[in-house]
PDB file of N, CA and C in Angstrom:
ATOM      1  N   GLN A   1      41.538 -68.206-135.491  1.00  0.00           N
ATOM      2  CA  GLN A   1      40.468 -67.328-135.434  1.00  0.00           C
ATOM      3  C   GLN A   1      39.661 -67.173-136.950  1.00  0.00           C
ATOM      4  N   ALA A   2      40.549 -67.163-137.834  1.00  0.00           N
ATOM      5  CA  ALA A   2      40.155 -67.008-139.164  1.00  0.00           C
ATOM      6  C   ALA A   2      39.031 -68.109-139.705  1.00  0.00           C
ATOM      7  N   ILE A   3      39.512 -69.243-139.124  1.00  0.00           N
ATOM      8  CA  ILE A   3      38.706 -70.558-139.636  1.00  0.00           C
ATOM      9  C   ILE A   3      37.449 -70.422-138.814  1.00  0.00           C
ATOM     10  N   GLU A   4      37.388 -69.967-137.688  1.00  0.00           N
ATOM     11  CA  GLU A   4      36.278 -69.567-136.992  1.00  0.00           C
ATOM     12  C   GLU A   4      35.467 -68.415-137.538  1.00  0.00           C
ATOM     13  N   ARG A   5      35.979 -67.709-138.256  1.00  0.00           N
ATOM     14  CA  ARG A   5      35.278 -66.618-138.955  1.00  0.00           C
ATOM     15  C   ARG A   5      34.789 -66.999-140.347  1.00  0.00           C
ATOM     16  N   GLY A   6      35.052 -68.209-140.636  1.00  0.00           N
ATOM     17  CA  GLY A   6      34.563 -68.634-141.820  1.00  0.00           C
ATOM     18  C   GLY A   6      35.571 -68.642-143.194  1.00  0.00           C
ATOM     19  N   ILE A   7      36.892 -68.440-142.735  1.00  0.00           N
ATOM     20  CA  ILE A   7      38.021 -68.331-143.651  1.00  0.00           C
ATOM     21  C   ILE A   7      38.555 -69.708-143.898  1.00  0.00           C
ATOM     22  N   SER A   8      38.078 -70.570-144.490  1.00  0.00           N
ATOM     23  CA  SER A   8      38.656 -72.021-144.608  1.00  0.00           C
ATOM     24  C   SER A   8      39.647 -72.150-145.759  1.00  0.00           C
ATOM     25  N   THR A   9      40.792 -72.231-145.550  1.00  0.00           N
ATOM     26  CA  THR A   9      41.502 -72.374-146.676  1.00  0.00           C
ATOM     27  C   THR A   9      42.672 -73.620-146.214  1.00  0.00           C
ATOM     28  N   ALA A  10      42.951 -74.192-147.252  1.00  0.00           N
ATOM     29  CA  ALA A  10      44.121 -75.228-147.095  1.00  0.00           C
ATOM     30  C   ALA A  10      45.333 -74.927-146.320  1.00  0.00           C
ATOM     31  N   HIS A  11      45.725 -73.622-146.467  1.00  0.00           N
ATOM     32  CA  HIS A  11      46.891 -73.170-145.790  1.00  0.00           C
ATOM     33  C   HIS A  11      46.591 -73.227-144.214  1.00  0.00           C
ATOM     34  N   LEU A  12      45.613 -72.816-143.900  1.00  0.00           N
ATOM     35  CA  LEU A  12      45.271 -72.462-142.438  1.00  0.00           C
ATOM     36  C   LEU A  12      44.984 -73.899-141.924  1.00  0.00           C
ATOM     37  N   TYR A  13      44.161 -74.722-142.503  1.00  0.00           N
ATOM     38  CA  TYR A  13      44.012 -76.123-141.968  1.00  0.00           C
ATOM     39  C   TYR A  13      45.524 -76.820-141.890  1.00  0.00           C
ATOM     40  N   ASN A  14      46.178 -76.536-142.850  1.00  0.00           N
ATOM     41  CA  ASN A  14      47.525 -77.468-142.703  1.00  0.00           C
ATOM     42  C   ASN A  14      48.257 -76.857-141.611  1.00  0.00           C
ATOM     43  N   SER A  15      48.288 -75.495-141.414  1.00  0.00           N
ATOM     44  CA  SER A  15      49.317 -75.113-140.192  1.00  0.00           C
ATOM     45  C   SER A  15      48.770 -75.436-138.776  1.00  0.00           C
ATOM     46  N   LEU A  16      47.348 -75.394-138.888  1.00  0.00           N
ATOM     47  CA  LEU A  16      46.940 -75.839-137.792  1.00  0.00           C
ATOM     48  C   LEU A  16      47.150 -77.316-137.323  1.00  0.00           C
ATOM     49  N   GLY A  17      47.103 -78.141-138.255  1.00  0.00           N
ATOM     50  CA  GLY A  17      47.446 -79.648-138.335  1.00  0.00           C
ATOM     51  C   GLY A  17      48.736 -79.820-137.967  1.00  0.00           C
ATOM     52  N   ALA A  18      49.703 -78.975-138.565  1.00  0.00           N
ATOM     53  CA  ALA A  18      50.986 -79.121-138.047  1.00  0.00           C
ATOM     54  C   ALA A  18      51.250 -78.774-136.451  1.00  0.00           C
ATOM     55  N   LEU A  19      50.623 -77.597-136.058  1.00  0.00           N
ATOM     56  CA  LEU A  19      50.687 -77.328-134.649  1.00  0.00           C
ATOM     57  C   LEU A  19      50.219 -78.331-133.805  1.00  0.00           C
ATOM     58  N   TYR A  20      48.942 -78.915-134.077  1.00  0.00           N
ATOM     59  CA  TYR A  20      48.484 -80.228-133.301  1.00  0.00           C
ATOM     60  C   TYR A  20      49.269 -81.158-133.397  1.00  0.00           C
ATOM     61  N   LEU A  21      50.015 -81.476-134.444  1.00  0.00           N
ATOM     62  CA  LEU A  21      51.096 -82.333-134.615  1.00  0.00           C
ATOM     63  C   LEU A  21      52.361 -82.362-133.576  1.00  0.00           C
ATOM     64  N   ARG A  22      52.920 -81.270-133.706  1.00  0.00           N
ATOM     65  CA  ARG A  22      53.876 -80.707-132.773  1.00  0.00           C
ATOM     66  C   ARG A  22      53.586 -80.981-131.399  1.00  0.00           C
ATOM     67  N   ARG A  23      52.387 -80.628-131.287  1.00  0.00           N
ATOM     68  CA  ARG A  23      51.985 -80.847-129.512  1.00  0.00           C
ATOM     69  C   ARG A  23      51.623 -82.102-129.220  1.00  0.00           C
ATOM     70  N   GLY A  24      51.591 -83.087-130.339  1.00  0.00           N
ATOM     71  CA  GLY A  24      51.171 -84.537-129.938  1.00  0.00           C
ATOM     72  C   GLY A  24      49.602 -84.488-129.852  1.00  0.00           C
ATOM     73  N   HIS A  25      48.770 -83.901-130.364  1.00  0.00           N
ATOM     74  CA  HIS A  25      47.346 -83.955-130.591  1.00  0.00           C
ATOM     75  C   HIS A  25      47.027 -84.493-131.997  1.00  0.00           C
ATOM     76  N   LEU A  26      47.346 -85.987-132.088  1.00  0.00           N
ATOM     77  CA  LEU A  26      47.272 -86.587-133.303  1.00  0.00           C
ATOM     78  C   LEU A  26      45.870 -86.505-133.931  1.00  0.00           C
ATOM     79  N   LYS A  27      44.730 -86.690-133.105  1.00  0.00           N
ATOM     80  CA  LYS A  27      43.462 -86.743-133.535  1.00  0.00           C
ATOM     81  C   LYS A  27      43.075 -85.616-134.365  1.00  0.00           C
ATOM     82  N   GLU A  28      43.437 -84.348-133.658  1.00  0.00           N
ATOM     83  CA  GLU A  28      42.949 -83.240-134.083  1.00  0.00           C
ATOM     84  C   GLU A  28      43.943 -82.827-135.338  1.00  0.00           C
ATOM     85  N   ALA A  29      45.135 -83.269-135.242  1.00  0.00           N
ATOM     86  CA  ALA A  29      46.112 -83.117-136.623  1.00  0.00           C
ATOM     87  C   ALA A  29      45.527 -83.791-137.765  1.00  0.00           C
ATOM     88  N   ARG A  30      45.163 -84.863-137.374  1.00  0.00           N
ATOM     89  CA  ARG A  30      44.549 -85.784-138.700  1.00  0.00           C
ATOM     90  C   ARG A  30      43.247 -85.029-139.242  1.00  0.00           C
ATOM     91  N   ALA A  31      42.497 -84.510-138.292  1.00  0.00           N
ATOM     92  CA  ALA A  31      41.134 -83.928-138.727  1.00  0.00           C
ATOM     93  C   ALA A  31      41.679 -82.616-139.451  1.00  0.00           C
ATOM     94  N   ASP A  32      42.469 -81.729-139.238  1.00  0.00           N
ATOM     95  CA  ASP A  32      42.801 -80.837-139.778  1.00  0.00           C
ATOM     96  C   ASP A  32      43.695 -81.010-141.195  1.00  0.00           C
ATOM     97  N   PHE A  33      44.518 -81.774-141.313  1.00  0.00           N
ATOM     98  CA  PHE A  33      45.143 -82.309-142.446  1.00  0.00           C
ATOM     99  C   PHE A  33      44.125 -82.580-143.583  1.00  0.00           C
ATOM    100  N   GLU A  34      43.273 -83.625-143.077  1.00  0.00           N
ATOM    101  CA  GLU A  34      42.071 -84.207-143.980  1.00  0.00           C
ATOM    102  C   GLU A  34      41.294 -82.924-144.550  1.00  0.00           C
ATOM    103  N   LYS A  35      40.949 -82.017-143.633  1.00  0.00           N
ATOM    104  CA  LYS A  35      40.376 -80.739-144.141  1.00  0.00           C
ATOM    105  C   LYS A  35      41.061 -80.091-145.207  1.00  0.00           C
ATOM    106  N   ALA A  36      42.718 -79.913-145.012  1.00  0.00           N
ATOM    107  CA  ALA A  36      43.068 -78.908-145.829  1.00  0.00           C
ATOM    108  C   ALA A  36      43.493 -79.746-147.215  1.00  0.00           C
ATOM    109  N   VAL A  37      43.435 -81.233-147.289  1.00  0.00           N
ATOM    110  CA  VAL A  37      43.826 -81.899-148.411  1.00  0.00           C
ATOM    111  C   VAL A  37      42.428 -81.864-149.394  1.00  0.00           C
ATOM    112  N   GLN A  38      41.081 -81.482-148.676  1.00  0.00           N
ATOM    113  CA  GLN A  38      39.894 -81.539-149.303  1.00  0.00           C
ATOM    114  C   GLN A  38      39.771 -79.955-149.856  1.00  0.00           C
ATOM    115  N   CYS A  39      40.396 -79.183-149.438  1.00  0.00           N
ATOM    116  CA  CYS A  39      40.198 -77.687-149.741  1.00  0.00           C
ATOM    117  C   CYS A  39      40.869 -77.439-151.431  1.00  0.00           C
ATOM    118  N   MET A  40      40.268 -76.540-152.134  1.00  0.00           N
ATOM    119  CA  MET A  40      40.775 -76.376-153.424  1.00  0.00           C
ATOM    120  C   MET A  40      40.794 -74.714-153.406  1.00  0.00           C
ATOM    121  N   PRO A  41      41.959 -74.373-153.932  1.00  0.00           N
ATOM    122  CA  PRO A  41      43.216 -75.057-154.340  1.00  0.00           C
ATOM    123  C   PRO A  41      44.077 -75.618-152.874  1.00  0.00           C
ATOM    124  N   ASN A  42      44.713 -76.349-153.017  1.00  0.00           N
ATOM    125  CA  ASN A  42      45.645 -77.015-152.148  1.00  0.00           C
ATOM    126  C   ASN A  42      46.882 -76.956-152.397  1.00  0.00           C
ATOM    127  N   HIS A  43      47.965 -76.186-152.087  1.00  0.00           N
ATOM    128  CA  HIS A  43      49.360 -76.257-152.435  1.00  0.00           C
ATOM    129  C   HIS A  43      50.056 -76.401-150.997  1.00  0.00           C
ATOM    130  N   THR A  44      49.657 -77.248-150.148  1.00  0.00           N
ATOM    131  CA  THR A  44      50.068 -77.636-148.915  1.00  0.00           C
ATOM    132  C   THR A  44      50.810 -78.832-148.872  1.00  0.00           C
ATOM    133  N   SER A  45      51.391 -79.083-147.813  1.00  0.00           N
ATOM    134  CA  SER A  45      51.931 -80.334-147.496  1.00  0.00           C
ATOM    135  C   SER A  45      51.018 -81.203-146.542  1.00  0.00           C
ATOM    136  N   ALA A  46      49.819 -80.847-146.442  1.00  0.00           N
ATOM    137  CA  ALA A  46      48.885 -81.666-145.705  1.00  0.00           C
ATOM    138  C   ALA A  46      48.869 -83.110-146.040  1.00  0.00           C
ATOM    139  N   ALA A  47      48.953 -83.559-147.207  1.00  0.00           N
ATOM    140  CA  ALA A  47      48.982 -85.241-147.508  1.00  0.00           C
ATOM    141  C   ALA A  47      50.124 -85.532-146.840  1.00  0.00           C
ATOM    142  N   ALA A  48      51.467 -84.968-146.805  1.00  0.00           N
ATOM    143  CA  ALA A  48      52.660 -85.396-146.322  1.00  0.00           C
ATOM    144  C   ALA A  48      52.352 -85.524-144.793  1.00  0.00           C
ATOM    145  N   GLY A  49      51.632 -84.686-144.247  1.00  0.00           N
ATOM    146  CA  GLY A  49      51.447 -84.684-142.898  1.00  0.00           C
ATOM    147  C   GLY A  49      50.366 -85.964-142.244  1.00  0.00           C
ATOM    148  N   LEU A  50      49.529 -86.358-143.326  1.00  0.00           N
ATOM    149  CA  LEU A  50      48.809 -87.650-143.152  1.00  0.00           C
ATOM    150  C   LEU A  50      49.629 -88.739-143.260  1.00  0.00           C
ATOM    151  N   ARG A  51      50.496 -88.716-144.165  1.00  0.00           N
ATOM    152  CA  ARG A  51      51.353 -89.998-144.374  1.00  0.00           C
ATOM    153  C   ARG A  51      52.359 -90.054-143.133  1.00  0.00           C
ATOM    154  N   THR A  52      52.603 -89.071-142.418  1.00  0.00           N
ATOM    155  CA  THR A  52      53.502 -89.001-141.194  1.00  0.00           C
ATOM    156  C   THR A  52      52.626 -89.561-140.170  1.00  0.00           C
ATOM    157  N   LEU A  53      51.536 -89.100-139.999  1.00  0.00           N
ATOM    158  CA  LEU A  53      50.498 -89.855-139.048  1.00  0.00           C
ATOM    159  C   LEU A  53      50.236 -91.243-139.181  1.00  0.00           C
ATOM    160  N   ASP A  54      50.123 -91.538-140.423  1.00  0.00           N
ATOM    161  CA  ASP A  54      50.055 -92.858-140.733  1.00  0.00           C
ATOM    162  C   ASP A  54      51.213 -93.688-140.352  1.00  0.00           C
ATOM    163  N   GLU A  55      52.414 -93.319-140.428  1.00  0.00           N
ATOM    164  CA  GLU A  55      53.693 -93.846-140.238  1.00  0.00           C
ATOM    165  C   GLU A  55      53.757 -93.946-138.638  1.00  0.00           C
ATOM    166  N   MET A  56      53.342 -92.785-138.061  1.00  0.00           N
ATOM    167  CA  MET A  56      53.537 -92.850-136.576  1.00  0.00           C
ATOM    168  C   MET A  56      52.656 -94.000-135.743  1.00  0.00           C
ATOM    169  N   GLU A  57      51.457 -94.051-136.486  1.00  0.00           N
ATOM    170  CA  GLU A  57      50.277 -95.160-135.849  1.00  0.00           C
ATOM    171  C   GLU A  57      51.042 -96.315-135.952  1.00  0.00           C
ATOM    172  N   LYS A  58      51.548 -96.499-137.446  1.00  0.00           N
ATOM    173  CA  LYS A  58      52.300 -97.954-137.517  1.00  0.00           C
ATOM    174  C   LYS A  58      53.522 -98.443-136.729  1.00  0.00           C
ATOM    175  N   THR A  59      54.264 -97.147-136.498  1.00  0.00           N
ATOM    176  CA  THR A  59      55.225 -97.678-135.905  1.00  0.00           C
ATOM    177  C   THR A  59      55.436 -97.288-134.331  1.00  0.00           C
ATOM    178  N   GLY A  60      54.288 -96.570-133.910  1.00  0.00           N
ATOM    179  CA  GLY A  60      54.248 -96.334-132.544  1.00  0.00           C
ATOM    180  C   GLY A  60      55.151 -95.211-132.100  1.00  0.00           C
ATOM    181  N   THR A  61      55.719 -94.200-132.900  1.00  0.00           N
ATOM    182  CA  THR A  61      56.618 -93.314-132.434  1.00  0.00           C
ATOM    183  C   THR A  61      55.973 -91.987-132.237  1.00  0.00           C
ATOM    184  N   ALA A  62      56.491 -91.041-131.433  1.00  0.00           N
ATOM    185  CA  ALA A  62      55.901 -89.841-131.097  1.00  0.00           C
ATOM    186  C   ALA A  62      56.536 -88.724-132.081  1.00  0.00           C
ATOM    187  N   PRO A  63      55.815 -87.735-132.223  1.00  0.00           N
ATOM    188  CA  PRO A  63      56.043 -86.686-133.273  1.00  0.00           C
ATOM    189  C   PRO A  63      57.500 -86.117-133.151  1.00  0.00           C
ATOM    190  N   TYR A  64      58.107 -85.979-132.160  1.00  0.00           N
ATOM    191  CA  TYR A  64      59.463 -85.566-131.808  1.00  0.00           C
ATOM    192  C   TYR A  64      60.567 -86.555-132.176  1.00  0.00           C
ATOM    193  N   GLU A  65      60.034 -87.807-132.484  1.00  0.00           N
ATOM    194  CA  GLU A  65      61.084 -88.917-133.020  1.00  0.00           C
ATOM    195  C   GLU A  65      61.252 -88.891-134.403  1.00  0.00           C
ATOM    196  N   ILE A  66      60.415 -87.970-135.152  1.00  0.00           N
ATOM    197  CA  ILE A  66      60.382 -88.251-136.752  1.00  0.00           C
ATOM    198  C   ILE A  66      61.311 -87.153-137.086  1.00  0.00           C
ATOM    199  N   PRO A  67      62.438 -87.819-138.006  1.00  0.00           N
ATOM    200  CA  PRO A  67      63.398 -86.934-138.531  1.00  0.00           C
ATOM    201  C   PRO A  67      62.984 -85.698-139.369  1.00  0.00           C
TER     202      PRO A  67
END
């Protein structure tokens, strides 16, 4: 709701990306992690989320298979 109201912060996008990732919505997760990375300041793990998605695509693993 905060994002819909115009409050766009790295933390919010990162949290939404993580939720999408856990639910297996990889396209949406990537979009939100990318938005988080572009926000300033960004003190989130969004870049790690993008690396996780890249690795998942490379290896064909599902979110629940990642340690």
